Amino acid sequence: MSALSFRVLAAMAACGLTLSACASLRPKPKPVAAAPPVVATPAPAPVIVKVPVPVKEACVPKSLPRAPKYPDTDAALRDAGGAADRYQLMAAGRLLRDRRLADLERVVDGCR
């Protein structure tokens, strides 16, 4: 081997050692601090709110009778013999309507 090749070989060896030494001297990354463990808190219990549901109650009492048959219908007034008969039919119908209206007003006042 010649002196020149020995120098080249020695220079290459020195460069290799330098590079390997530099690689081993790199600063090591600092260990990342572990995040504190996440403690799972239980979800709060759902709040149950009881909403009062309106109960539909019958406002009309069972004792309220059905509407009566009124005697002063158009057909009855046409078939009446005279003015006095028509007047009596109308007066009887009015009395029944007044009584029925009084019953209905009493029921409506109870519902309010």
C-alpha atoms as a PDB file:
ATOM      1  CA  MET A   1       0.000   0.000   0.000  1.00  0.00           C
ATOM      2  CA  SER A   2       1.217   3.343  -0.720  1.00  0.00           C
ATOM      3  CA  ALA A   3       1.483   6.220   1.653  1.00  0.00           C
ATOM      4  CA  LEU A   4      -1.236   8.118  -0.160  1.00  0.00           C
ATOM      5  CA  SER A   5      -3.774   5.364   0.104  1.00  0.00           C
ATOM      6  CA  PHE A   6      -2.884   4.883   3.765  1.00  0.00           C
ATOM      7  CA  ARG A   7      -3.597   8.557   4.424  1.00  0.00           C
ATOM      8  CA  VAL A   8      -6.862   8.407   2.520  1.00  0.00           C
ATOM      9  CA  LEU A   9      -7.883   5.307   4.439  1.00  0.00           C
ATOM     10  CA  ALA A  10      -6.944   6.925   7.754  1.00  0.00           C
ATOM     11  CA  ALA A  11      -8.858  10.111   6.836  1.00  0.00           C
ATOM     12  CA  MET A  12     -11.957   8.119   5.914  1.00  0.00           C
ATOM     13  CA  ALA A  13     -11.774   6.163   9.170  1.00  0.00           C
ATOM     14  CA  ALA A  14     -11.438   9.396  11.131  1.00  0.00           C
ATOM     15  CA  CYS A  15     -14.473  10.869   9.327  1.00  0.00           C
ATOM     16  CA  GLY A  16     -16.522   7.741  10.051  1.00  0.00           C
ATOM     17  CA  LEU A  17     -15.635   7.805  13.733  1.00  0.00           C
ATOM     18  CA  THR A  18     -16.455  11.496  13.935  1.00  0.00           C
ATOM     19  CA  LEU A  19     -19.828  11.016  12.335  1.00  0.00           C
ATOM     20  CA  SER A  20     -20.695   8.090  14.550  1.00  0.00           C
ATOM     21  CA  ALA A  21     -19.570  10.000  17.645  1.00  0.00           C
ATOM     22  CA  CYS A  22     -21.707  12.990  16.653  1.00  0.00           C
ATOM     23  CA  ALA A  23     -24.736  10.777  16.151  1.00  0.00           C
ATOM     24  CA  SER A  24     -24.369   9.295  19.636  1.00  0.00           C
ATOM     25  CA  LEU A  25     -23.987  12.710  21.248  1.00  0.00           C
ATOM     26  CA  ARG A  26     -27.333  14.055  19.996  1.00  0.00           C
ATOM     27  CA  PRO A  27     -29.460  15.312  22.850  1.00  0.00           C
ATOM     28  CA  LYS A  28     -32.040  12.736  23.765  1.00  0.00           C
ATOM     29  CA  PRO A  29     -35.615  13.989  23.692  1.00  0.00           C
ATOM     30  CA  LYS A  30     -36.955  14.773  27.097  1.00  0.00           C
ATOM     31  CA  PRO A  31     -39.559  12.322  28.191  1.00  0.00           C
ATOM     32  CA  VAL A  32     -43.009  13.768  27.861  1.00  0.00           C
ATOM     33  CA  ALA A  33     -44.708  14.004  31.190  1.00  0.00           C
ATOM     34  CA  ALA A  34     -47.642  11.657  31.227  1.00  0.00           C
ATOM     35  CA  ALA A  35     -50.947  13.440  31.411  1.00  0.00           C
ATOM     36  CA  PRO A  36     -52.708  12.885  34.674  1.00  0.00           C
ATOM     37  CA  PRO A  37     -55.210  10.074  34.362  1.00  0.00           C
ATOM     38  CA  VAL A  38     -58.640  11.271  33.432  1.00  0.00           C
ATOM     39  CA  VAL A  39     -61.072  10.293  36.113  1.00  0.00           C
ATOM     40  CA  ALA A  40     -64.456   9.762  34.591  1.00  0.00           C
ATOM     41  CA  THR A  41     -67.041  11.463  36.729  1.00  0.00           C
ATOM     42  CA  PRO A  42     -70.423   9.866  36.510  1.00  0.00           C
ATOM     43  CA  ALA A  43     -73.024  11.935  34.742  1.00  0.00           C
ATOM     44  CA  PRO A  44     -75.474  13.568  37.118  1.00  0.00           C
ATOM     45  CA  ALA A  45     -78.691  11.694  37.506  1.00  0.00           C
ATOM     46  CA  PRO A  46     -81.425  13.081  35.275  1.00  0.00           C
ATOM     47  CA  VAL A  47     -83.916  15.231  37.077  1.00  0.00           C
ATOM     48  CA  ILE A  48     -87.403  13.859  36.714  1.00  0.00           C
ATOM     49  CA  VAL A  49     -90.043  16.533  36.756  1.00  0.00           C
ATOM     50  CA  LYS A  50     -93.594  15.399  37.145  1.00  0.00           C
ATOM     51  CA  VAL A  51     -95.864  17.616  35.143  1.00  0.00           C
ATOM     52  CA  PRO A  52     -99.456  17.447  36.238  1.00  0.00           C
ATOM     53  CA  VAL A  53    -101.553  16.229  33.361  1.00  0.00           C
ATOM     54  CA  PRO A  54    -104.977  17.792  33.341  1.00  0.00           C
ATOM     55  CA  VAL A  55    -107.618  15.139  33.571  1.00  0.00           C
ATOM     56  CA  LYS A  56    -110.614  15.868  31.469  1.00  0.00           C
ATOM     57  CA  GLU A  57    -113.595  15.794  33.712  1.00  0.00           C
ATOM     58  CA  ALA A  58    -117.113  15.872  32.472  1.00  0.00           C
ATOM     59  CA  CYS A  59    -118.440  19.303  33.242  1.00  0.00           C
ATOM     60  CA  VAL A  60    -122.027  18.415  32.463  1.00  0.00           C
ATOM     61  CA  PRO A  61    -123.635  16.404  35.271  1.00  0.00           C
ATOM     62  CA  LYS A  62    -125.386  13.155  34.470  1.00  0.00           C
ATOM     63  CA  SER A  63    -128.545  14.489  36.105  1.00  0.00           C
ATOM     64  CA  LEU A  64    -129.056  17.127  33.397  1.00  0.00           C
ATOM     65  CA  PRO A  65    -132.005  15.917  31.315  1.00  0.00           C
ATOM     66  CA  ARG A  66    -132.074  16.017  27.551  1.00  0.00           C
ATOM     67  CA  ALA A  67    -133.742  18.931  25.806  1.00  0.00           C
ATOM     68  CA  PRO A  68    -137.544  18.620  25.821  1.00  0.00           C
ATOM     69  CA  LYS A  69    -139.676  18.478  22.717  1.00  0.00           C
ATOM     70  CA  TYR A  70    -140.935  22.009  22.333  1.00  0.00           C
ATOM     71  CA  PRO A  71    -144.602  22.283  21.331  1.00  0.00           C
ATOM     72  CA  ASP A  72    -144.201  25.430  19.217  1.00  0.00           C
ATOM     73  CA  THR A  73    -142.613  23.891  16.125  1.00  0.00           C
ATOM     74  CA  ASP A  74    -143.307  25.395  12.708  1.00  0.00           C
ATOM     75  CA  ALA A  75    -145.527  22.474  11.742  1.00  0.00           C
ATOM     76  CA  ALA A  76    -147.542  22.691  14.985  1.00  0.00           C
ATOM     77  CA  LEU A  77    -148.052  26.446  14.571  1.00  0.00           C
ATOM     78  CA  ARG A  78    -149.218  25.994  10.967  1.00  0.00           C
ATOM     79  CA  ASP A  79    -151.650  23.246  11.963  1.00  0.00           C
ATOM     80  CA  ALA A  80    -153.108  25.250  14.879  1.00  0.00           C
ATOM     81  CA  GLY A  81    -156.754  26.182  14.475  1.00  0.00           C
ATOM     82  CA  GLY A  82    -156.523  29.863  15.286  1.00  0.00           C
ATOM     83  CA  ALA A  83    -154.504  32.670  16.814  1.00  0.00           C
ATOM     84  CA  ALA A  84    -155.360  31.654  20.389  1.00  0.00           C
ATOM     85  CA  ASP A  85    -154.102  28.111  19.809  1.00  0.00           C
ATOM     86  CA  ARG A  86    -150.862  29.412  18.282  1.00  0.00           C
ATOM     87  CA  TYR A  87    -150.440  31.758  21.247  1.00  0.00           C
ATOM     88  CA  GLN A  88    -150.861  28.880  23.743  1.00  0.00           C
ATOM     89  CA  LEU A  89    -148.289  26.761  21.863  1.00  0.00           C
ATOM     90  CA  MET A  90    -145.813  29.663  21.850  1.00  0.00           C
ATOM     91  CA  ALA A  91    -146.351  30.371  25.576  1.00  0.00           C
ATOM     92  CA  ALA A  92    -145.829  26.698  26.480  1.00  0.00           C
ATOM     93  CA  GLY A  93    -142.644  26.582  24.371  1.00  0.00           C
ATOM     94  CA  ARG A  94    -141.342  29.726  26.015  1.00  0.00           C
ATOM     95  CA  LEU A  95    -141.852  28.294  29.519  1.00  0.00           C
ATOM     96  CA  LEU A  96    -139.960  25.131  28.566  1.00  0.00           C
ATOM     97  CA  ARG A  97    -137.127  27.144  27.000  1.00  0.00           C
ATOM     98  CA  ASP A  98    -136.799  29.379  30.079  1.00  0.00           C
ATOM     99  CA  ARG A  99    -136.620  26.342  32.384  1.00  0.00           C
ATOM    100  CA  ARG A 100    -134.016  24.680  30.117  1.00  0.00           C
ATOM    101  CA  LEU A 101    -131.963  27.888  29.918  1.00  0.00           C
ATOM    102  CA  ALA A 102    -131.930  28.172  33.727  1.00  0.00           C
ATOM    103  CA  ASP A 103    -130.653  24.568  34.005  1.00  0.00           C
ATOM    104  CA  LEU A 104    -127.945  25.192  31.413  1.00  0.00           C
ATOM    105  CA  GLU A 105    -126.805  28.431  33.051  1.00  0.00           C
ATOM    106  CA  ARG A 106    -126.433  26.601  36.389  1.00  0.00           C
ATOM    107  CA  VAL A 107    -124.281  23.935  34.716  1.00  0.00           C
ATOM    108  CA  VAL A 108    -122.122  26.510  32.865  1.00  0.00           C
ATOM    109  CA  ASP A 109    -121.527  28.455  36.094  1.00  0.00           C
ATOM    110  CA  GLY A 110    -120.381  25.219  37.751  1.00  0.00           C
ATOM    111  CA  CYS A 111    -117.901  24.587  34.925  1.00  0.00           C
ATOM    112  CA  ARG A 112    -116.211  27.961  35.177  1.00  0.00           C
END
